[in-house]
Protein backbone atom coordinates (compact mmCIF):
# COMPACT_ATOMS: atom_id res chain seq x y z
CA MET A 1 -8.03 -2.38 -7.69
CA SER A 2 -5.72 -5.10 -6.60
CA LEU A 3 -4.61 -3.11 -3.80
CA LEU A 4 -8.17 -2.55 -2.22
CA PHE A 5 -8.54 -6.32 -1.97
CA THR A 6 -7.28 -8.53 0.95
CA GLU A 7 -6.05 -11.89 1.21
CA ARG A 8 -9.31 -13.07 2.50
CA ASP A 9 -11.07 -11.50 -0.77
CA HIS A 10 -8.54 -13.66 -2.96
CA GLU A 11 -9.60 -16.88 -0.95
CA GLN A 12 -13.30 -15.92 -1.84
CA VAL A 13 -13.34 -15.19 -5.20
CA PHE A 14 -11.23 -18.54 -5.87
CA GLY A 15 -14.11 -20.56 -4.11
CA PHE A 16 -13.11 -21.10 -0.72
CA GLY A 17 -16.01 -18.34 0.91
CA PHE A 18 -19.50 -17.45 0.09
CA LEU A 19 -18.93 -18.39 -3.61
CA ALA A 20 -18.24 -22.17 -2.68
CA VAL A 21 -20.51 -25.12 -3.42
CA PRO A 22 -22.75 -25.40 0.19
CA ARG A 23 -21.88 -28.57 1.57
CA VAL A 24 -24.94 -30.92 2.45
CA ARG A 25 -24.89 -32.31 5.66
CA ALA A 26 -26.34 -36.04 6.10
CA THR A 27 -29.63 -35.40 8.66
CA MET A 28 -29.03 -38.82 10.35
CA SER A 29 -25.79 -38.78 11.20
CA LYS A 30 -24.38 -37.38 14.56
CA ARG A 31 -23.48 -34.00 15.06
CA ARG A 32 -19.96 -33.12 16.46
CA LYS A 33 -19.58 -30.57 19.20
CA ARG A 34 -18.26 -27.44 18.54
CA ARG A 35 -15.38 -26.64 20.58
CA GLY A 36 -14.56 -22.79 21.76
CA HIS A 37 -15.86 -19.82 19.78
CA PHE A 38 -16.75 -18.61 16.49
CA CYS A 39 -14.72 -14.95 15.25
CA TRP A 40 -17.26 -13.43 13.06
CA SER A 41 -13.88 -11.22 11.58
CA CYS A 42 -11.91 -14.44 10.40
CA GLU A 43 -14.71 -16.53 9.95
CA ARG A 44 -13.43 -19.46 12.03
CA VAL A 45 -14.27 -21.19 15.23
CA LEU A 46 -11.08 -21.01 17.63
CA PRO A 47 -10.10 -22.68 21.08
CA ASN A 48 -11.48 -20.49 24.07
CA GLU A 49 -7.89 -19.25 24.87
CA ARG A 50 -7.95 -17.42 21.73
CA PHE A 51 -10.41 -15.14 23.13
CA SER A 52 -9.75 -12.67 25.71
CA GLY A 53 -12.18 -11.92 28.50
CA ARG A 54 -14.34 -9.36 26.02
CA GLY A 55 -13.56 -11.21 22.86
CA HIS A 56 -16.28 -13.88 23.97
CA ALA A 57 -18.82 -11.73 24.02
CA GLN A 58 -18.12 -9.36 21.07
CA HIS A 59 -17.00 -13.00 18.86
CA LEU A 60 -13.58 -11.31 17.93
CA CYS A 61 -10.44 -13.35 18.55
CA LYS A 62 -7.31 -11.73 19.83
CA GLN A 63 -5.51 -11.82 16.43
CA CYS A 64 -8.42 -9.91 14.94
CA ARG A 65 -8.70 -7.64 17.55
CA LYS A 66 -5.18 -6.29 16.86
CA LEU A 67 -5.93 -5.38 13.27
CA GLY A 68 -7.82 -1.89 13.79
CA LYS A 69 -11.01 -0.30 13.65
CA GLU A 70 -10.88 0.66 9.90
CA GLU A 71 -10.00 -3.02 9.06
CA LEU A 72 -12.53 -4.40 11.16
CA ASP A 73 -15.28 -1.74 9.71
CA TYR A 74 -14.58 -2.94 6.45
CA ARG A 75 -14.82 -6.75 7.28
CA SER A 76 -18.03 -5.82 9.12
CA GLU A 77 -19.37 -4.22 6.00
CA ARG A 78 -18.16 -6.88 3.99
CA ARG A 79 -19.91 -9.50 5.76
CA ASN A 80 -23.01 -7.39 5.50
CA LEU A 81 -22.98 -7.53 1.84
CA GLU A 82 -22.50 -11.29 2.02
CA ARG A 83 -25.33 -11.54 4.09
CA LEU A 84 -27.66 -9.92 0.95
CA LEU A 85 -26.80 -12.49 -1.53
CA GLY A 86 -28.60 -15.62 -2.41
CA TRP A 87 -27.23 -19.00 -2.97
CA TYR A 88 -26.45 -18.60 -6.41
CA GLY A 89 -24.40 -15.45 -5.44
CA THR A 90 -27.26 -13.03 -6.97
CA ILE A 91 -28.47 -10.40 -4.97
CA ARG A 92 -31.94 -11.02 -3.88
CA ARG A 93 -34.78 -8.59 -5.19
CA LYS A 94 -35.86 -7.49 -1.79
CA GLN A 95 -32.54 -6.40 -0.43
CA ARG A 96 -31.73 -4.41 -3.65
CA ARG A 97 -32.45 -1.32 -2.24
CA GLN A 98 -30.15 -2.02 1.12
CA PHE A 99 -27.67 -3.09 -1.44
CA ASP A 100 -27.70 0.29 -3.37
CA ARG A 101 -26.87 1.92 -0.26
CA PHE A 102 -23.23 0.00 -0.24
CA LEU A 103 -22.59 1.45 -3.69
CA GLU A 104 -22.50 5.16 -2.03
CA HIS A 105 -20.63 4.02 1.16
CA ASP A 106 -18.16 6.06 2.74
CA ASN A 107 -15.33 3.21 2.41
CA PRO A 108 -13.61 3.40 -1.18
CA ARG A 109 -12.74 -0.75 -0.69
CA VAL A 110 -16.78 -1.41 0.36
CA ARG A 111 -17.74 0.50 -2.88
CA VAL A 112 -15.08 -1.45 -5.12
CA TYR A 113 -16.56 -4.72 -3.46
CA ALA A 114 -20.19 -4.05 -3.58
CA GLU A 115 -19.52 -2.94 -7.60
CA TRP A 116 -17.24 -6.25 -8.13
CA LEU A 117 -20.74 -7.97 -6.37
CA LEU A 118 -22.97 -5.88 -8.67
CA ASP A 119 -21.07 -7.42 -12.03
CA LEU A 120 -20.82 -10.91 -10.69
CA ASP A 121 -24.63 -10.79 -10.06
CA ALA A 122 -25.03 -9.40 -13.37
CA GLU A 123 -22.54 -12.34 -15.09
CA ARG A 124 -24.59 -14.95 -12.77
CA ARG A 125 -28.40 -13.78 -13.72
CA ARG A 126 -27.52 -13.97 -17.53
CA GLU A 127 -26.15 -17.66 -16.71
CA LEU A 128 -28.96 -18.80 -15.21
CA ARG A 129 -31.28 -16.72 -17.60
CA GLU A 130 -29.53 -18.84 -20.36
CA ALA A 131 -29.49 -22.16 -18.57
CA ARG A 132 -33.61 -21.75 -17.92
CA GLU A 133 -33.92 -20.54 -22.15
CA ALA A 134 -31.88 -23.71 -23.03
CA ASP A 135 -34.36 -25.89 -20.49
CA GLU A 136 -37.12 -24.54 -21.47
CA ALA A 137 -36.61 -24.99 -25.91
CA PHE A 138 -35.38 -28.46 -24.80
CA TYR A 139 -38.70 -29.39 -23.25
CA GLU A 140 -40.96 -27.36 -25.72
CA GLN A 141 -39.34 -29.78 -28.52
CA GLU A 142 -41.97 -33.03 -28.66
CA HIS A 143 -39.94 -36.11 -28.10
CA ASP A 144 -40.35 -39.36 -27.13
CA PRO A 145 -37.53 -40.79 -24.74
CA ALA A 146 -38.08 -44.52 -26.23
CA GLU A 147 -37.50 -43.48 -29.69
CA GLU A 148 -34.22 -41.68 -28.79
CA ASP A 149 -32.75 -44.38 -27.54
CA THR A 150 -33.79 -46.65 -30.17
CA GLY A 151 -35.55 -44.78 -33.04
CA ARG A 152 -38.65 -46.96 -32.86
CA SER A 153 -41.49 -46.47 -31.22
CA PRO A 154 -42.37 -48.49 -28.32
CA GLU A 155 -45.44 -50.09 -30.08
CA GLU A 156 -42.89 -51.37 -32.84
CA ALA A 157 -40.50 -52.72 -30.29
CA LEU A 158 -43.38 -54.42 -28.55
CA GLY A 159 -44.90 -55.62 -31.77
CA GLU A 160 -41.67 -57.88 -32.63
CA ILE A 161 -41.93 -59.56 -29.59
CA SER A 162 -45.03 -61.76 -29.75
CA ASP A 163 -44.42 -64.67 -27.19
CA LEU A 164 -44.23 -62.65 -24.05
CA PRO A 165 -45.31 -65.22 -21.01
CA PHE A 166 -47.47 -62.59 -19.73
């Protein structure tokens, strides 16, 4: 299995790719203009000099163009798989049928990656379910936030203070 994952796979497993927490951009700040083009294969914005004549239209830099058809097909399918994931790395319900097609893909690397995403989906859904159940259990308990801090009800605390000016 380690032979099937590339260096890019390793980066995404450890939070540099789609698993990372999304950055929140300030709405009032001035957006910086991007220079160059975006390469879909390496997922970087590169200067125009890094693209050939056809590379601009295909959004493929010179370095990625040399990778070969098999590697580019794998990266394309991998990108399609990642588009099916939601915010928490879970597979969206409406995308499940489309995701199942990748589990029967011709390329073994794509199948292994899809199976790994399926395991990750099950783990994330379990974690989210446990967190939701813990929240529901907490809010089902009858509690007063004022009693938690002081151990007294608000009426008891106000009863001690009789000389309020208002």
